[in-house]
Amino acid sequence: MNKPLALPGLLMLPALIGATDSWVKALGMALCFLLLMTLYGIGMRLLRPRLGADRQHLLASLLLGTSLGSCLWLAVQAWSYQLHQQLGLYLAVLPLQCVAMEQAGFFQRTDRLRLGIAFCSALIVLGALRELLGTGALGRHLGWLVGLDDTGNGWVLLPDGGLHLLTLAPGGFILLGLLLAAQRAWSLNRSPSRK
């Protein structure tokens, strides 16, 4: 807890809470995040040597992020309109995340792939847990990921349903806090004791 909250981390929070009320939305958001971050990173790698001043760098970063974000927005809308309806707001935040992460030096880090996969894993695990514990089912609307009009209920694992609070934003914060606390306790127990 001694690290200050940074803008890139705060910008990831809406997607982590808002787009994870179902497993399908979390999978879709993770795929969009990986695609946009990969294309943006490649684009900035090509542009960075040609940019001089900070203003040019920021402007190029903004233009690249918004261009790729608009293309992603349209691609998701054309691929699966239902998924686009569910993720539209969070897809709009992704280009801003790209720009903030570029300004923070994320794309020059050697562990950027590990951090990106960790964020996507957090999206997928949180989405699966929130849907399973909140509705008692997993995989509702799985057809959205392949562009089908899916009305299925998924796999019902808890016939009596679940705790509906977990499908809402406050429940997402509660579950995320519990997962972070469990991960912290697990990492503290695995580390050698200090004497």
N, C-alpha and C. Protein backbone atom coordinates (compact mmCIF):
# COMPACT_ATOMS: atom_id res chain seq x y z
N MET A 1 0.80 -1.20 0.00
CA MET A 1 0.00 0.00 0.00
C MET A 1 0.84 1.27 0.00
N ASN A 2 2.16 1.13 -0.13
CA ASN A 2 3.00 2.31 -0.12
C ASN A 2 3.15 2.92 -1.51
N LYS A 3 2.55 2.32 -2.54
CA LYS A 3 2.62 2.87 -3.88
C LYS A 3 1.46 3.85 -4.07
N PRO A 4 1.74 5.03 -4.66
CA PRO A 4 0.64 5.97 -4.91
C PRO A 4 -0.22 5.47 -6.07
N LEU A 5 -1.50 5.84 -6.04
CA LEU A 5 -2.39 5.47 -7.13
C LEU A 5 -2.00 6.26 -8.36
N ALA A 6 -1.83 5.58 -9.47
CA ALA A 6 -1.44 6.22 -10.71
C ALA A 6 -2.62 6.29 -11.65
N LEU A 7 -2.57 7.24 -12.57
CA LEU A 7 -3.66 7.41 -13.52
C LEU A 7 -3.93 6.16 -14.36
N PRO A 8 -2.91 5.48 -14.88
CA PRO A 8 -3.22 4.27 -15.65
C PRO A 8 -3.97 3.21 -14.84
N GLY A 9 -3.61 3.06 -13.58
CA GLY A 9 -4.30 2.09 -12.74
C GLY A 9 -5.73 2.49 -12.46
N LEU A 10 -5.95 3.78 -12.25
CA LEU A 10 -7.32 4.25 -12.00
C LEU A 10 -8.19 4.13 -13.24
N LEU A 11 -7.59 4.31 -14.42
CA LEU A 11 -8.38 4.19 -15.65
C LEU A 11 -8.75 2.75 -15.95
N MET A 12 -8.04 1.79 -15.38
CA MET A 12 -8.38 0.39 -15.60
C MET A 12 -9.51 -0.07 -14.67
N LEU A 13 -9.75 0.66 -13.62
CA LEU A 13 -10.77 0.27 -12.65
C LEU A 13 -12.19 0.25 -13.23
N PRO A 14 -12.62 1.24 -14.04
CA PRO A 14 -13.98 1.13 -14.59
C PRO A 14 -14.20 -0.13 -15.41
N ALA A 15 -13.23 -0.50 -16.24
CA ALA A 15 -13.38 -1.72 -17.03
C ALA A 15 -13.36 -2.95 -16.14
N LEU A 16 -12.53 -2.92 -15.11
CA LEU A 16 -12.42 -4.08 -14.23
C LEU A 16 -13.70 -4.31 -13.44
N ILE A 17 -14.38 -3.27 -13.06
CA ILE A 17 -15.63 -3.42 -12.30
C ILE A 17 -16.85 -3.44 -13.22
N GLY A 18 -16.91 -2.53 -14.18
CA GLY A 18 -18.10 -2.40 -15.00
C GLY A 18 -18.29 -3.49 -16.03
N ALA A 19 -17.20 -3.99 -16.59
CA ALA A 19 -17.31 -4.97 -17.67
C ALA A 19 -17.15 -6.40 -17.20
N THR A 20 -17.22 -6.63 -15.91
CA THR A 20 -17.03 -7.99 -15.41
C THR A 20 -18.26 -8.53 -14.70
N ASP A 21 -19.43 -7.97 -14.96
CA ASP A 21 -20.62 -8.53 -14.31
C ASP A 21 -21.04 -9.84 -14.95
N SER A 22 -20.46 -10.15 -16.10
CA SER A 22 -20.66 -11.47 -16.70
C SER A 22 -19.34 -11.94 -17.31
N TRP A 23 -19.22 -13.25 -17.42
CA TRP A 23 -18.00 -13.85 -17.93
C TRP A 23 -17.78 -13.51 -19.40
N VAL A 24 -18.86 -13.47 -20.17
CA VAL A 24 -18.76 -13.17 -21.60
C VAL A 24 -18.29 -11.74 -21.81
N LYS A 25 -18.83 -10.81 -21.04
CA LYS A 25 -18.38 -9.42 -21.16
C LYS A 25 -16.91 -9.29 -20.76
N ALA A 26 -16.51 -10.01 -19.74
CA ALA A 26 -15.11 -9.96 -19.31
C ALA A 26 -14.18 -10.54 -20.37
N LEU A 27 -14.59 -11.65 -21.00
CA LEU A 27 -13.80 -12.23 -22.09
C LEU A 27 -13.70 -11.26 -23.27
N GLY A 28 -14.82 -10.65 -23.62
CA GLY A 28 -14.82 -9.69 -24.72
C GLY A 28 -13.94 -8.48 -24.42
N MET A 29 -14.01 -8.00 -23.20
CA MET A 29 -13.19 -6.85 -22.82
C MET A 29 -11.71 -7.21 -22.81
N ALA A 30 -11.39 -8.41 -22.35
CA ALA A 30 -9.99 -8.84 -22.34
C ALA A 30 -9.44 -8.95 -23.76
N LEU A 31 -10.23 -9.51 -24.67
CA LEU A 31 -9.80 -9.61 -26.06
C LEU A 31 -9.60 -8.23 -26.69
N CYS A 32 -10.54 -7.32 -26.43
CA CYS A 32 -10.42 -5.96 -26.96
C CYS A 32 -9.21 -5.25 -26.37
N PHE A 33 -8.97 -5.43 -25.08
CA PHE A 33 -7.82 -4.82 -24.42
C PHE A 33 -6.52 -5.31 -25.03
N LEU A 34 -6.39 -6.62 -25.17
CA LEU A 34 -5.16 -7.18 -25.74
C LEU A 34 -4.94 -6.71 -27.17
N LEU A 35 -5.99 -6.69 -27.97
CA LEU A 35 -5.87 -6.27 -29.36
C LEU A 35 -5.46 -4.80 -29.45
N LEU A 36 -6.15 -3.94 -28.71
CA LEU A 36 -5.85 -2.51 -28.79
C LEU A 36 -4.47 -2.20 -28.23
N MET A 37 -4.11 -2.81 -27.11
CA MET A 37 -2.79 -2.54 -26.53
C MET A 37 -1.66 -3.04 -27.45
N THR A 38 -1.87 -4.15 -28.11
CA THR A 38 -0.85 -4.67 -29.03
C THR A 38 -0.68 -3.75 -30.22
N LEU A 39 -1.79 -3.37 -30.85
CA LEU A 39 -1.71 -2.48 -32.02
C LEU A 39 -1.16 -1.11 -31.63
N TYR A 40 -1.58 -0.60 -30.49
CA TYR A 40 -1.09 0.70 -30.04
C TYR A 40 0.41 0.64 -29.74
N GLY A 41 0.85 -0.41 -29.08
CA GLY A 41 2.26 -0.55 -28.77
C GLY A 41 3.12 -0.64 -30.02
N ILE A 42 2.65 -1.38 -31.02
CA ILE A 42 3.38 -1.48 -32.29
C ILE A 42 3.42 -0.12 -32.99
N GLY A 43 2.27 0.56 -33.00
CA GLY A 43 2.22 1.87 -33.64
C GLY A 43 3.13 2.89 -32.97
N MET A 44 3.13 2.91 -31.65
CA MET A 44 3.99 3.87 -30.95
C MET A 44 5.46 3.50 -31.09
N ARG A 45 5.77 2.24 -31.18
CA ARG A 45 7.17 1.83 -31.39
C ARG A 45 7.68 2.37 -32.73
N LEU A 46 6.80 2.38 -33.74
CA LEU A 46 7.19 2.92 -35.04
C LEU A 46 7.25 4.44 -35.04
N LEU A 47 6.37 5.09 -34.29
CA LEU A 47 6.31 6.55 -34.28
C LEU A 47 7.31 7.21 -33.33
N ARG A 48 7.61 6.56 -32.22
CA ARG A 48 8.42 7.17 -31.17
C ARG A 48 9.75 7.74 -31.65
N PRO A 49 10.52 7.04 -32.51
CA PRO A 49 11.80 7.61 -32.94
C PRO A 49 11.65 8.86 -33.81
N ARG A 50 10.49 9.04 -34.43
CA ARG A 50 10.28 10.19 -35.32
C ARG A 50 9.71 11.40 -34.60
N LEU A 51 9.37 11.24 -33.34
CA LEU A 51 8.76 12.33 -32.58
C LEU A 51 9.81 13.02 -31.74
N GLY A 52 9.73 14.33 -31.68
CA GLY A 52 10.72 15.08 -30.93
C GLY A 52 10.20 15.58 -29.60
N ALA A 53 9.45 16.65 -29.63
CA ALA A 53 9.01 17.33 -28.41
C ALA A 53 7.91 16.53 -27.71
N ASP A 54 7.72 16.88 -26.45
CA ASP A 54 6.67 16.22 -25.67
C ASP A 54 5.29 16.47 -26.25
N ARG A 55 5.08 17.66 -26.80
CA ARG A 55 3.78 17.97 -27.40
C ARG A 55 3.51 17.09 -28.60
N GLN A 56 4.53 16.91 -29.44
CA GLN A 56 4.36 16.03 -30.60
C GLN A 56 4.07 14.60 -30.15
N HIS A 57 4.76 14.17 -29.14
CA HIS A 57 4.58 12.81 -28.63
C HIS A 57 3.17 12.62 -28.09
N LEU A 58 2.70 13.59 -27.30
CA LEU A 58 1.35 13.49 -26.74
C LEU A 58 0.29 13.54 -27.83
N LEU A 59 0.46 14.43 -28.81
CA LEU A 59 -0.51 14.55 -29.89
C LEU A 59 -0.55 13.27 -30.72
N ALA A 60 0.61 12.73 -31.06
CA ALA A 60 0.65 11.48 -31.82
C ALA A 60 0.04 10.34 -31.03
N SER A 61 0.30 10.31 -29.74
CA SER A 61 -0.26 9.28 -28.87
C SER A 61 -1.79 9.37 -28.84
N LEU A 62 -2.30 10.58 -28.71
CA LEU A 62 -3.75 10.79 -28.70
C LEU A 62 -4.39 10.40 -30.03
N LEU A 63 -3.77 10.83 -31.12
CA LEU A 63 -4.33 10.52 -32.43
C LEU A 63 -4.32 9.01 -32.72
N LEU A 64 -3.21 8.36 -32.38
CA LEU A 64 -3.14 6.92 -32.60
C LEU A 64 -4.15 6.18 -31.72
N GLY A 65 -4.23 6.56 -30.45
CA GLY A 65 -5.16 5.91 -29.54
C GLY A 65 -6.61 6.07 -29.95
N THR A 66 -7.00 7.28 -30.32
CA THR A 66 -8.40 7.50 -30.71
C THR A 66 -8.71 6.85 -32.05
N SER A 67 -7.75 6.85 -32.98
CA SER A 67 -7.99 6.18 -34.27
C SER A 67 -8.18 4.68 -34.09
N LEU A 68 -7.28 4.06 -33.34
CA LEU A 68 -7.41 2.62 -33.10
C LEU A 68 -8.65 2.30 -32.27
N GLY A 69 -8.95 3.16 -31.30
CA GLY A 69 -10.14 2.95 -30.48
C GLY A 69 -11.42 3.04 -31.29
N SER A 70 -11.47 3.98 -32.24
CA SER A 70 -12.65 4.11 -33.11
C SER A 70 -12.79 2.90 -34.01
N CYS A 71 -11.67 2.42 -34.54
CA CYS A 71 -11.71 1.22 -35.38
C CYS A 71 -12.18 0.01 -34.57
N LEU A 72 -11.69 -0.11 -33.34
CA LEU A 72 -12.11 -1.22 -32.48
C LEU A 72 -13.60 -1.12 -32.16
N TRP A 73 -14.07 0.09 -31.86
CA TRP A 73 -15.48 0.33 -31.58
C TRP A 73 -16.35 -0.15 -32.74
N LEU A 74 -15.98 0.24 -33.95
CA LEU A 74 -16.74 -0.15 -35.14
C LEU A 74 -16.63 -1.64 -35.42
N ALA A 75 -15.46 -2.22 -35.19
CA ALA A 75 -15.27 -3.65 -35.44
C ALA A 75 -16.11 -4.49 -34.48
N VAL A 76 -16.14 -4.12 -33.22
CA VAL A 76 -16.96 -4.86 -32.26
C VAL A 76 -18.43 -4.69 -32.58
N GLN A 77 -18.84 -3.49 -32.99
CA GLN A 77 -20.23 -3.26 -33.36
C GLN A 77 -20.63 -4.11 -34.57
N ALA A 78 -19.74 -4.22 -35.55
CA ALA A 78 -20.04 -5.04 -36.72
C ALA A 78 -20.00 -6.52 -36.41
N TRP A 79 -19.11 -6.93 -35.50
CA TRP A 79 -18.96 -8.35 -35.18
C TRP A 79 -20.13 -8.85 -34.34
N SER A 80 -20.41 -8.15 -33.25
CA SER A 80 -21.48 -8.58 -32.35
C SER A 80 -22.13 -7.36 -31.73
N TYR A 81 -23.29 -6.99 -32.27
CA TYR A 81 -23.95 -5.78 -31.80
C TYR A 81 -24.35 -5.88 -30.32
N GLN A 82 -24.75 -7.08 -29.88
CA GLN A 82 -25.15 -7.25 -28.49
C GLN A 82 -23.96 -7.03 -27.55
N LEU A 83 -22.81 -7.58 -27.92
CA LEU A 83 -21.61 -7.39 -27.10
C LEU A 83 -21.20 -5.93 -27.12
N HIS A 84 -21.33 -5.28 -28.27
CA HIS A 84 -21.01 -3.86 -28.36
C HIS A 84 -21.91 -3.04 -27.45
N GLN A 85 -23.19 -3.38 -27.39
CA GLN A 85 -24.11 -2.66 -26.52
C GLN A 85 -23.70 -2.78 -25.05
N GLN A 86 -23.17 -3.92 -24.67
CA GLN A 86 -22.76 -4.14 -23.29
C GLN A 86 -21.41 -3.50 -22.96
N LEU A 87 -20.51 -3.44 -23.92
CA LEU A 87 -19.14 -2.96 -23.68
C LEU A 87 -18.87 -1.57 -24.20
N GLY A 88 -19.83 -0.94 -24.86
CA GLY A 88 -19.59 0.32 -25.55
C GLY A 88 -18.90 1.38 -24.72
N LEU A 89 -19.37 1.62 -23.52
CA LEU A 89 -18.79 2.65 -22.66
C LEU A 89 -17.35 2.31 -22.28
N TYR A 90 -17.10 1.06 -21.99
CA TYR A 90 -15.77 0.64 -21.55
C TYR A 90 -14.79 0.58 -22.71
N LEU A 91 -15.29 0.32 -23.92
CA LEU A 91 -14.43 0.37 -25.10
C LEU A 91 -13.95 1.80 -25.35
N ALA A 92 -14.77 2.77 -25.00
CA ALA A 92 -14.39 4.17 -25.20
C ALA A 92 -13.28 4.60 -24.24
N VAL A 93 -13.13 3.92 -23.12
CA VAL A 93 -12.09 4.27 -22.15
C VAL A 93 -10.74 3.67 -22.54
N LEU A 94 -10.72 2.61 -23.33
CA LEU A 94 -9.47 1.94 -23.69
C LEU A 94 -8.45 2.86 -24.37
N PRO A 95 -8.83 3.72 -25.35
CA PRO A 95 -7.82 4.61 -25.92
C PRO A 95 -7.20 5.56 -24.89
N LEU A 96 -8.01 6.01 -23.95
CA LEU A 96 -7.48 6.87 -22.89
C LEU A 96 -6.49 6.11 -22.02
N GLN A 97 -6.77 4.83 -21.77
CA GLN A 97 -5.82 3.99 -21.04
C GLN A 97 -4.51 3.88 -21.80
N CYS A 98 -4.61 3.73 -23.12
CA CYS A 98 -3.39 3.63 -23.94
C CYS A 98 -2.53 4.88 -23.79
N VAL A 99 -3.15 6.04 -23.90
CA VAL A 99 -2.40 7.29 -23.81
C VAL A 99 -1.78 7.46 -22.43
N ALA A 100 -2.55 7.17 -21.39
CA ALA A 100 -2.02 7.30 -20.03
C ALA A 100 -0.88 6.31 -19.79
N MET A 101 -1.02 5.11 -20.31
CA MET A 101 0.04 4.12 -20.14
C MET A 101 1.29 4.49 -20.93
N GLU A 102 1.11 5.10 -22.09
CA GLU A 102 2.26 5.57 -22.87
C GLU A 102 3.00 6.68 -22.12
N GLN A 103 2.25 7.59 -21.54
CA GLN A 103 2.87 8.68 -20.79
C GLN A 103 3.58 8.18 -19.53
N ALA A 104 3.10 7.09 -18.97
CA ALA A 104 3.72 6.50 -17.78
C ALA A 104 4.90 5.58 -18.14
N GLY A 105 5.15 5.37 -19.43
CA GLY A 105 6.27 4.54 -19.85
C GLY A 105 5.99 3.05 -19.85
N PHE A 106 4.72 2.68 -19.86
CA PHE A 106 4.35 1.26 -19.82
C PHE A 106 4.87 0.50 -21.03
N PHE A 107 4.79 1.10 -22.21
CA PHE A 107 5.14 0.38 -23.43
C PHE A 107 6.65 0.23 -23.62
N GLN A 108 7.45 0.87 -22.77
CA GLN A 108 8.89 0.68 -22.81
C GLN A 108 9.36 -0.35 -21.79
N ARG A 109 8.47 -0.80 -20.94
CA ARG A 109 8.82 -1.77 -19.90
C ARG A 109 9.02 -3.15 -20.51
N THR A 110 9.90 -3.91 -19.90
CA THR A 110 10.16 -5.26 -20.39
C THR A 110 9.08 -6.25 -19.94
N ASP A 111 8.38 -5.94 -18.86
CA ASP A 111 7.36 -6.86 -18.33
C ASP A 111 5.95 -6.46 -18.75
N ARG A 112 5.81 -5.69 -19.82
CA ARG A 112 4.48 -5.21 -20.23
C ARG A 112 3.55 -6.35 -20.64
N LEU A 113 4.09 -7.39 -21.25
CA LEU A 113 3.25 -8.53 -21.64
C LEU A 113 2.70 -9.24 -20.41
N ARG A 114 3.55 -9.44 -19.42
CA ARG A 114 3.11 -10.09 -18.18
C ARG A 114 2.03 -9.26 -17.49
N LEU A 115 2.20 -7.94 -17.45
CA LEU A 115 1.22 -7.07 -16.80
C LEU A 115 -0.10 -7.04 -17.58
N GLY A 116 -0.02 -7.04 -18.91
CA GLY A 116 -1.24 -7.07 -19.72
C GLY A 116 -2.01 -8.36 -19.54
N ILE A 117 -1.29 -9.47 -19.50
CA ILE A 117 -1.94 -10.77 -19.30
C ILE A 117 -2.51 -10.86 -17.89
N ALA A 118 -1.82 -10.27 -16.91
CA ALA A 118 -2.34 -10.27 -15.54
C ALA A 118 -3.65 -9.48 -15.46
N PHE A 119 -3.73 -8.35 -16.16
CA PHE A 119 -4.96 -7.57 -16.17
C PHE A 119 -6.09 -8.35 -16.85
N CYS A 120 -5.78 -8.98 -17.97
CA CYS A 120 -6.80 -9.77 -18.67
C CYS A 120 -7.25 -10.96 -17.83
N SER A 121 -6.31 -11.57 -17.12
CA SER A 121 -6.67 -12.69 -16.23
C SER A 121 -7.56 -12.20 -15.11
N ALA A 122 -7.26 -11.02 -14.58
CA ALA A 122 -8.11 -10.45 -13.52
C ALA A 122 -9.51 -10.19 -14.05
N LEU A 123 -9.61 -9.67 -15.27
CA LEU A 123 -10.93 -9.45 -15.89
C LEU A 123 -11.71 -10.76 -15.99
N ILE A 124 -11.06 -11.79 -16.51
CA ILE A 124 -11.74 -13.06 -16.77
C ILE A 124 -12.13 -13.76 -15.47
N VAL A 125 -11.23 -13.80 -14.49
CA VAL A 125 -11.53 -14.45 -13.22
C VAL A 125 -12.63 -13.70 -12.47
N LEU A 126 -12.53 -12.38 -12.43
CA LEU A 126 -13.55 -11.59 -11.74
C LEU A 126 -14.90 -11.73 -12.43
N GLY A 127 -14.90 -11.73 -13.77
CA GLY A 127 -16.16 -11.92 -14.50
C GLY A 127 -16.78 -13.28 -14.24
N ALA A 128 -15.96 -14.31 -14.24
CA ALA A 128 -16.48 -15.66 -14.00
C ALA A 128 -17.03 -15.78 -12.58
N LEU A 129 -16.30 -15.28 -11.60
CA LEU A 129 -16.75 -15.37 -10.22
C LEU A 129 -18.02 -14.55 -9.98
N ARG A 130 -18.06 -13.34 -10.55
CA ARG A 130 -19.25 -12.51 -10.34
C ARG A 130 -20.49 -13.13 -10.97
N GLU A 131 -20.33 -13.71 -12.17
CA GLU A 131 -21.49 -14.33 -12.81
C GLU A 131 -21.90 -15.60 -12.08
N LEU A 132 -20.93 -16.42 -11.74
CA LEU A 132 -21.24 -17.69 -11.07
C LEU A 132 -21.86 -17.47 -9.70
N LEU A 133 -21.24 -16.62 -8.89
CA LEU A 133 -21.75 -16.39 -7.54
C LEU A 133 -22.96 -15.47 -7.52
N GLY A 134 -23.11 -14.64 -8.56
CA GLY A 134 -24.24 -13.69 -8.59
C GLY A 134 -25.49 -14.25 -9.21
N THR A 135 -25.34 -15.14 -10.20
CA THR A 135 -26.53 -15.67 -10.89
C THR A 135 -26.66 -17.17 -10.77
N GLY A 136 -25.59 -17.85 -10.41
CA GLY A 136 -25.63 -19.30 -10.32
C GLY A 136 -25.35 -19.99 -11.64
N ALA A 137 -25.09 -19.21 -12.68
CA ALA A 137 -24.81 -19.78 -14.01
C ALA A 137 -23.49 -19.22 -14.52
N LEU A 138 -22.98 -19.86 -15.55
CA LEU A 138 -21.73 -19.40 -16.15
C LEU A 138 -21.85 -19.54 -17.67
N GLY A 139 -21.48 -18.53 -18.40
CA GLY A 139 -21.46 -18.59 -19.85
C GLY A 139 -22.74 -18.16 -20.53
N ARG A 140 -23.56 -17.37 -19.84
CA ARG A 140 -24.75 -16.85 -20.50
C ARG A 140 -24.32 -15.96 -21.67
N HIS A 141 -25.00 -16.05 -22.77
CA HIS A 141 -24.75 -15.25 -23.97
C HIS A 141 -23.36 -15.50 -24.55
N LEU A 142 -22.88 -16.71 -24.45
CA LEU A 142 -21.57 -17.06 -24.98
C LEU A 142 -21.49 -16.86 -26.49
N GLY A 143 -22.61 -16.94 -27.16
CA GLY A 143 -22.66 -16.75 -28.61
C GLY A 143 -22.28 -15.34 -29.04
N TRP A 144 -22.38 -14.36 -28.15
CA TRP A 144 -22.01 -12.99 -28.49
C TRP A 144 -20.55 -12.90 -28.93
N LEU A 145 -19.69 -13.73 -28.37
CA LEU A 145 -18.27 -13.66 -28.70
C LEU A 145 -17.99 -14.07 -30.14
N VAL A 146 -18.87 -14.87 -30.71
CA VAL A 146 -18.68 -15.29 -32.10
C VAL A 146 -19.69 -14.63 -33.03
N GLY A 147 -20.38 -13.61 -32.55
CA GLY A 147 -21.29 -12.84 -33.39
C GLY A 147 -22.66 -13.42 -33.58
N LEU A 148 -23.09 -14.31 -32.69
CA LEU A 148 -24.42 -14.91 -32.79
C LEU A 148 -25.39 -14.25 -31.84
N ASP A 149 -26.67 -14.25 -32.21
CA ASP A 149 -27.72 -13.79 -31.30
C ASP A 149 -28.03 -14.92 -30.35
N ASP A 150 -27.40 -14.90 -29.21
CA ASP A 150 -27.51 -16.01 -28.27
C ASP A 150 -28.45 -15.61 -27.14
N THR A 151 -29.41 -16.46 -26.86
CA THR A 151 -30.33 -16.20 -25.76
C THR A 151 -30.22 -17.27 -24.68
N GLY A 152 -29.16 -18.04 -24.72
CA GLY A 152 -29.01 -19.15 -23.78
C GLY A 152 -28.74 -18.69 -22.37
N ASN A 153 -29.01 -19.59 -21.43
CA ASN A 153 -28.79 -19.30 -20.03
C ASN A 153 -27.43 -19.77 -19.54
N GLY A 154 -26.64 -20.35 -20.41
CA GLY A 154 -25.33 -20.83 -20.00
C GLY A 154 -25.45 -22.12 -19.22
N TRP A 155 -24.42 -22.42 -18.48
CA TRP A 155 -24.39 -23.62 -17.66
C TRP A 155 -24.85 -23.25 -16.26
N VAL A 156 -25.98 -23.79 -15.84
CA VAL A 156 -26.51 -23.50 -14.51
C VAL A 156 -25.78 -24.41 -13.52
N LEU A 157 -25.02 -23.79 -12.64
CA LEU A 157 -24.23 -24.55 -11.67
C LEU A 157 -24.81 -24.48 -10.27
N LEU A 158 -25.49 -23.38 -9.97
CA LEU A 158 -26.16 -23.24 -8.68
C LEU A 158 -27.65 -23.05 -8.96
N PRO A 159 -28.45 -24.12 -8.85
CA PRO A 159 -29.85 -24.04 -9.27
C PRO A 159 -30.67 -23.00 -8.53
N ASP A 160 -30.30 -22.66 -7.32
CA ASP A 160 -31.07 -21.68 -6.57
C ASP A 160 -30.63 -20.25 -6.84
N GLY A 161 -29.76 -20.06 -7.82
CA GLY A 161 -29.27 -18.72 -8.13
C GLY A 161 -28.12 -18.36 -7.21
N GLY A 162 -27.83 -17.10 -7.14
CA GLY A 162 -26.72 -16.65 -6.32
C GLY A 162 -27.06 -15.36 -5.60
N LEU A 163 -26.04 -14.70 -5.16
CA LEU A 163 -26.17 -13.42 -4.46
C LEU A 163 -26.15 -12.30 -5.50
N HIS A 164 -27.30 -11.74 -5.81
CA HIS A 164 -27.44 -10.76 -6.89
C HIS A 164 -26.53 -9.55 -6.70
N LEU A 165 -26.18 -9.22 -5.48
CA LEU A 165 -25.31 -8.07 -5.20
C LEU A 165 -24.00 -8.17 -5.98
N LEU A 166 -23.50 -9.37 -6.19
CA LEU A 166 -22.21 -9.53 -6.86
C LEU A 166 -22.26 -9.16 -8.34
N THR A 167 -23.44 -9.11 -8.95
CA THR A 167 -23.53 -8.69 -10.34
C THR A 167 -23.61 -7.17 -10.46
N LEU A 168 -23.77 -6.47 -9.36
CA LEU A 168 -23.81 -5.01 -9.35
C LEU A 168 -22.42 -4.46 -9.05
N ALA A 169 -22.23 -3.17 -9.32
CA ALA A 169 -20.91 -2.55 -9.13
C ALA A 169 -20.41 -2.64 -7.68
N PRO A 170 -21.24 -2.38 -6.66
CA PRO A 170 -20.71 -2.52 -5.29
C PRO A 170 -20.23 -3.94 -4.99
N GLY A 171 -20.95 -4.93 -5.50
CA GLY A 171 -20.51 -6.31 -5.32
C GLY A 171 -19.21 -6.60 -6.03
N GLY A 172 -19.00 -5.94 -7.19
CA GLY A 172 -17.73 -6.08 -7.89
C GLY A 172 -16.57 -5.54 -7.08
N PHE A 173 -16.78 -4.38 -6.43
CA PHE A 173 -15.75 -3.81 -5.57
C PHE A 173 -15.47 -4.72 -4.37
N ILE A 174 -16.54 -5.26 -3.79
CA ILE A 174 -16.37 -6.15 -2.63
C ILE A 174 -15.58 -7.40 -3.03
N LEU A 175 -15.97 -8.03 -4.13
CA LEU A 175 -15.28 -9.24 -4.57
C LEU A 175 -13.85 -8.95 -4.97
N LEU A 176 -13.61 -7.83 -5.65
CA LEU A 176 -12.24 -7.45 -6.01
C LEU A 176 -11.39 -7.23 -4.76
N GLY A 177 -11.96 -6.57 -3.77
CA GLY A 177 -11.23 -6.37 -2.51
C GLY A 177 -10.90 -7.68 -1.82
N LEU A 178 -11.85 -8.61 -1.81
CA LEU A 178 -11.60 -9.91 -1.21
C LEU A 178 -10.53 -10.70 -1.97
N LEU A 179 -10.57 -10.62 -3.31
CA LEU A 179 -9.56 -11.31 -4.11
C LEU A 179 -8.17 -10.71 -3.90
N LEU A 180 -8.09 -9.38 -3.83
CA LEU A 180 -6.80 -8.73 -3.58
C LEU A 180 -6.27 -9.06 -2.19
N ALA A 181 -7.15 -9.10 -1.21
CA ALA A 181 -6.73 -9.46 0.15
C ALA A 181 -6.25 -10.91 0.20
N ALA A 182 -6.95 -11.80 -0.48
CA ALA A 182 -6.52 -13.21 -0.51
C ALA A 182 -5.19 -13.37 -1.22
N GLN A 183 -5.00 -12.64 -2.32
CA GLN A 183 -3.72 -12.71 -3.04
C GLN A 183 -2.60 -12.17 -2.19
N ARG A 184 -2.85 -11.10 -1.47
CA ARG A 184 -1.83 -10.50 -0.60
C ARG A 184 -1.48 -11.46 0.54
N ALA A 185 -2.48 -12.05 1.15
CA ALA A 185 -2.22 -13.00 2.25
C ALA A 185 -1.47 -14.22 1.74
N TRP A 186 -1.81 -14.70 0.56
CA TRP A 186 -1.13 -15.85 -0.01
C TRP A 186 0.33 -15.54 -0.31
N SER A 187 0.58 -14.34 -0.86
CA SER A 187 1.97 -13.98 -1.18
C SER A 187 2.78 -13.74 0.09
N LEU A 188 2.16 -13.24 1.15
CA LEU A 188 2.87 -13.04 2.42
C LEU A 188 3.21 -14.37 3.07
N ASN A 189 2.30 -15.34 2.95
CA ASN A 189 2.55 -16.67 3.53
C ASN A 189 3.63 -17.43 2.75
N ARG A 190 3.74 -17.19 1.47
CA ARG A 190 4.75 -17.88 0.66
C ARG A 190 6.13 -17.27 0.80
N SER A 191 6.21 -15.98 1.14
CA SER A 191 7.52 -15.35 1.26
C SER A 191 8.22 -15.82 2.53
N PRO A 192 9.56 -15.92 2.49
CA PRO A 192 10.28 -16.38 3.68
C PRO A 192 10.09 -15.38 4.82
N SER A 193 9.93 -15.90 6.02
CA SER A 193 9.71 -15.03 7.17
C SER A 193 10.97 -14.24 7.47
N ARG A 194 10.75 -12.99 7.83
CA ARG A 194 11.87 -12.11 8.16
C ARG A 194 12.07 -12.10 9.67
N LYS A 195 13.31 -12.21 10.07
CA LYS A 195 13.60 -12.23 11.51
C LYS A 195 14.47 -11.06 11.89
